[in-house]
N, C-alpha and C. Protein backbone atom coordinates (compact mmCIF):
# COMPACT_ATOMS: atom_id res chain seq x y z
N MET A 1 89.69 127.03 107.55
CA MET A 1 90.59 126.16 106.79
C MET A 1 89.94 125.82 105.45
N LYS A 2 90.77 125.73 104.42
CA LYS A 2 90.28 125.39 103.09
C LYS A 2 89.77 123.96 103.06
N LYS A 3 88.95 123.66 102.08
CA LYS A 3 88.48 122.29 101.88
C LYS A 3 89.49 121.58 100.97
N TYR A 4 89.84 120.37 101.31
CA TYR A 4 90.84 119.62 100.56
C TYR A 4 90.24 118.40 99.88
N VAL A 5 90.85 118.02 98.78
CA VAL A 5 90.40 116.83 98.06
C VAL A 5 90.77 115.59 98.87
N VAL A 6 90.11 114.52 98.56
CA VAL A 6 90.39 113.23 99.20
C VAL A 6 91.51 112.56 98.41
N HIS A 7 92.42 111.98 99.12
CA HIS A 7 93.52 111.23 98.52
C HIS A 7 93.20 109.74 98.64
N TYR A 8 93.22 109.03 97.53
CA TYR A 8 92.97 107.59 97.54
C TYR A 8 94.30 106.85 97.57
N ARG A 9 94.36 105.78 98.35
CA ARG A 9 95.59 105.00 98.47
C ARG A 9 95.23 103.55 98.72
N LYS A 10 96.21 102.68 98.56
CA LYS A 10 96.01 101.27 98.89
C LYS A 10 96.47 101.04 100.32
N ASN A 11 95.64 100.34 101.09
CA ASN A 11 96.04 100.01 102.45
C ASN A 11 96.91 98.75 102.44
N ASP A 12 97.24 98.23 103.61
CA ASP A 12 98.13 97.07 103.70
C ASP A 12 97.57 95.83 103.01
N GLU A 13 96.24 95.74 102.91
CA GLU A 13 95.61 94.60 102.25
C GLU A 13 95.42 94.83 100.75
N GLY A 14 95.85 95.98 100.24
CA GLY A 14 95.70 96.29 98.82
C GLY A 14 94.35 96.88 98.45
N LYS A 15 93.51 97.17 99.44
CA LYS A 15 92.19 97.76 99.21
C LYS A 15 92.33 99.27 99.05
N ILE A 16 91.55 99.85 98.12
CA ILE A 16 91.56 101.29 97.92
C ILE A 16 90.77 101.96 99.05
N VAL A 17 91.40 102.89 99.73
CA VAL A 17 90.76 103.61 100.83
C VAL A 17 90.98 105.10 100.66
N GLU A 18 90.10 105.88 101.27
CA GLU A 18 90.22 107.33 101.24
C GLU A 18 91.08 107.79 102.41
N THR A 19 91.89 108.78 102.16
CA THR A 19 92.61 109.47 103.22
C THR A 19 92.04 110.88 103.29
N ASN A 20 91.51 111.24 104.42
CA ASN A 20 90.94 112.56 104.62
C ASN A 20 92.09 113.53 104.90
N LEU A 21 92.40 114.38 103.92
CA LEU A 21 93.53 115.27 104.08
C LEU A 21 93.25 116.38 105.08
N ASP A 22 91.99 116.75 105.27
CA ASP A 22 91.67 117.69 106.35
C ASP A 22 92.12 117.10 107.69
N GLN A 23 91.83 115.83 107.90
CA GLN A 23 92.23 115.16 109.13
C GLN A 23 93.74 115.05 109.22
N PHE A 24 94.40 114.78 108.10
CA PHE A 24 95.87 114.71 108.07
C PHE A 24 96.46 116.02 108.58
N PHE A 25 95.98 117.15 108.03
CA PHE A 25 96.51 118.45 108.44
C PHE A 25 96.16 118.76 109.90
N LYS A 26 94.98 118.38 110.34
CA LYS A 26 94.59 118.60 111.74
C LYS A 26 95.56 117.87 112.67
N GLU A 27 95.88 116.62 112.35
CA GLU A 27 96.80 115.86 113.18
C GLU A 27 98.22 116.41 113.10
N LEU A 28 98.64 116.82 111.90
CA LEU A 28 99.97 117.40 111.72
C LEU A 28 100.12 118.67 112.55
N PHE A 29 99.11 119.55 112.48
CA PHE A 29 99.18 120.81 113.22
C PHE A 29 99.09 120.58 114.72
N SER A 30 98.43 119.51 115.12
CA SER A 30 98.41 119.15 116.54
C SER A 30 99.82 118.80 117.01
N LEU A 31 100.58 118.10 116.17
CA LEU A 31 101.98 117.80 116.50
C LEU A 31 102.82 119.07 116.52
N TYR A 32 102.57 119.95 115.56
CA TYR A 32 103.26 121.25 115.56
C TYR A 32 103.08 121.94 116.91
N GLU A 33 101.83 121.99 117.38
CA GLU A 33 101.52 122.67 118.63
C GLU A 33 102.12 121.94 119.83
N LYS A 34 102.02 120.62 119.83
CA LYS A 34 102.53 119.83 120.96
C LYS A 34 104.02 120.07 121.17
N TYR A 35 104.79 120.12 120.08
CA TYR A 35 106.24 120.24 120.18
C TYR A 35 106.75 121.65 119.86
N ASP A 36 105.84 122.57 119.53
CA ASP A 36 106.21 123.92 119.11
C ASP A 36 107.26 123.88 118.00
N VAL A 37 107.00 123.01 117.03
CA VAL A 37 107.89 122.85 115.88
C VAL A 37 107.02 122.75 114.64
N SER A 38 107.48 123.38 113.55
CA SER A 38 106.77 123.24 112.27
C SER A 38 107.78 123.05 111.15
N ILE A 39 107.31 122.47 110.05
CA ILE A 39 108.16 122.23 108.89
C ILE A 39 108.18 123.49 108.05
N SER A 40 109.38 123.87 107.63
CA SER A 40 109.57 125.04 106.79
C SER A 40 110.49 124.63 105.64
N HIS A 41 110.60 125.48 104.64
CA HIS A 41 111.44 125.19 103.49
C HIS A 41 112.61 126.16 103.43
N GLU A 42 113.79 125.63 103.21
CA GLU A 42 115.00 126.45 103.11
C GLU A 42 115.39 126.47 101.65
N ASP A 43 115.20 127.59 100.97
CA ASP A 43 115.32 127.68 99.51
C ASP A 43 116.72 127.52 98.96
N SER A 44 117.75 127.89 99.66
CA SER A 44 119.08 127.89 99.04
C SER A 44 119.62 126.49 98.78
N HIS A 45 119.16 125.49 99.51
CA HIS A 45 119.63 124.12 99.29
C HIS A 45 118.50 123.14 99.01
N GLY A 46 117.27 123.57 99.12
CA GLY A 46 116.12 122.72 98.83
C GLY A 46 115.74 121.76 99.93
N ALA A 47 116.35 121.86 101.08
CA ALA A 47 116.04 120.96 102.19
C ALA A 47 114.93 121.55 103.06
N PHE A 48 114.32 120.72 103.85
CA PHE A 48 113.33 121.18 104.82
C PHE A 48 114.05 121.59 106.09
N MET A 49 113.43 122.51 106.81
CA MET A 49 113.94 122.95 108.11
C MET A 49 112.84 122.80 109.14
N LEU A 50 113.21 122.67 110.37
CA LEU A 50 112.26 122.70 111.48
C LEU A 50 112.42 124.03 112.19
N GLU A 51 111.30 124.72 112.39
CA GLU A 51 111.29 126.02 113.07
C GLU A 51 110.24 125.98 114.16
N HIS A 52 110.19 127.04 114.96
CA HIS A 52 109.09 127.16 115.91
C HIS A 52 107.78 127.18 115.14
N ASN A 53 106.75 126.62 115.74
CA ASN A 53 105.44 126.58 115.10
C ASN A 53 104.96 128.01 114.82
N ASN A 54 104.44 128.22 113.60
CA ASN A 54 103.88 129.52 113.26
C ASN A 54 102.86 129.37 112.14
N GLU A 55 101.99 130.34 112.02
CA GLU A 55 100.91 130.30 111.05
C GLU A 55 101.43 130.29 109.60
N TYR A 56 102.50 131.01 109.35
CA TYR A 56 103.07 131.05 108.00
C TYR A 56 103.44 129.64 107.53
N ASN A 57 104.11 128.87 108.38
CA ASN A 57 104.52 127.51 107.99
C ASN A 57 103.32 126.59 107.82
N GLN A 58 102.26 126.80 108.61
CA GLN A 58 101.05 126.00 108.43
C GLN A 58 100.41 126.30 107.09
N ASP A 59 100.32 127.57 106.74
CA ASP A 59 99.76 127.95 105.44
C ASP A 59 100.62 127.42 104.30
N TRP A 60 101.94 127.49 104.47
CA TRP A 60 102.86 127.03 103.42
C TRP A 60 102.70 125.53 103.16
N ILE A 61 102.64 124.72 104.20
CA ILE A 61 102.56 123.27 104.01
C ILE A 61 101.23 122.85 103.40
N LYS A 62 100.16 123.63 103.64
CA LYS A 62 98.86 123.30 103.07
C LYS A 62 98.83 123.50 101.55
N GLU A 63 99.81 124.21 101.01
CA GLU A 63 99.89 124.42 99.56
C GLU A 63 100.64 123.29 98.85
N ALA A 64 100.99 122.26 99.58
CA ALA A 64 101.73 121.14 99.00
C ALA A 64 100.93 120.45 97.91
N GLY A 65 101.63 119.86 96.97
CA GLY A 65 101.00 119.02 95.95
C GLY A 65 101.17 117.56 96.32
N ILE A 66 100.39 116.73 95.72
CA ILE A 66 100.48 115.29 95.98
C ILE A 66 100.74 114.59 94.66
N CYS A 67 101.64 113.64 94.65
CA CYS A 67 102.06 112.97 93.41
C CYS A 67 101.75 111.48 93.48
N ARG A 68 101.67 110.87 92.32
CA ARG A 68 101.50 109.42 92.18
C ARG A 68 100.33 108.92 93.02
N CYS A 69 99.22 109.60 92.94
CA CYS A 69 98.07 109.17 93.71
C CYS A 69 97.15 108.31 92.85
N LEU A 70 96.21 107.67 93.49
CA LEU A 70 95.25 106.80 92.83
C LEU A 70 93.92 107.53 92.70
N ASP A 71 93.14 107.15 91.70
CA ASP A 71 91.77 107.65 91.66
C ASP A 71 90.91 106.71 92.51
N LYS A 72 89.62 107.01 92.64
CA LYS A 72 88.77 106.22 93.53
C LYS A 72 88.56 104.79 93.06
N TYR A 73 89.00 104.47 91.84
CA TYR A 73 88.89 103.12 91.31
C TYR A 73 90.21 102.35 91.43
N GLY A 74 91.23 103.00 92.00
CA GLY A 74 92.51 102.34 92.19
C GLY A 74 93.46 102.48 91.02
N ARG A 75 93.08 103.29 90.03
CA ARG A 75 93.97 103.50 88.88
C ARG A 75 95.00 104.56 89.24
N ASP A 76 96.23 104.30 88.82
CA ASP A 76 97.31 105.25 89.06
C ASP A 76 97.08 106.50 88.22
N ARG A 77 97.09 107.65 88.86
CA ARG A 77 96.89 108.92 88.15
C ARG A 77 98.14 109.38 87.44
N GLY A 78 99.27 108.72 87.62
CA GLY A 78 100.50 109.11 86.97
C GLY A 78 101.34 110.04 87.83
N ASP A 79 102.34 110.62 87.22
CA ASP A 79 103.30 111.45 87.93
C ASP A 79 102.86 112.89 88.13
N ASP A 80 101.75 113.29 87.52
CA ASP A 80 101.35 114.69 87.60
C ASP A 80 100.98 115.08 89.01
N SER A 81 101.52 116.19 89.45
CA SER A 81 101.14 116.77 90.73
C SER A 81 99.89 117.60 90.56
N TYR A 82 99.15 117.73 91.59
CA TYR A 82 98.05 118.67 91.57
C TYR A 82 97.97 119.33 92.93
N SER A 83 97.49 120.52 92.95
CA SER A 83 97.37 121.25 94.20
C SER A 83 96.21 120.68 95.01
N LEU A 84 96.38 120.52 96.29
CA LEU A 84 95.37 119.93 97.13
C LEU A 84 94.13 120.80 97.33
N PRO A 85 94.28 122.12 97.53
CA PRO A 85 93.06 122.90 97.79
C PRO A 85 92.10 122.93 96.59
N VAL A 86 90.83 122.82 96.89
CA VAL A 86 89.81 122.94 95.84
C VAL A 86 88.88 124.05 96.25
N SER A 87 88.25 124.68 95.24
CA SER A 87 87.37 125.80 95.56
C SER A 87 85.95 125.33 95.79
C-alpha cells in the first residue's frame, strides 16, 4: 500500500488532531470485505455506486483528493485539492 499524508482536522473540542489516512483506508477496506461491497464511480451521472468488493475499486478510492483541510497549525489550507499519495 502507498504511504499517505496525514490529514489535520479539528476534533469536537476544537483541538487540531492528526487523522491517519492509512488507518482510514484500512478500516474502510475492512468494511468492504465484511459486506462484500465497495464504492465505485458511475461516470454518466457523476454519482457513486456500490458494487461487489474488488481491487480496482480499492485502488480507485485511494486516488481521492482531500479538500478544505487544515495544516498542522490549524490554518485552513483553502479550497485546493491535493492528491493523497506521496512518494
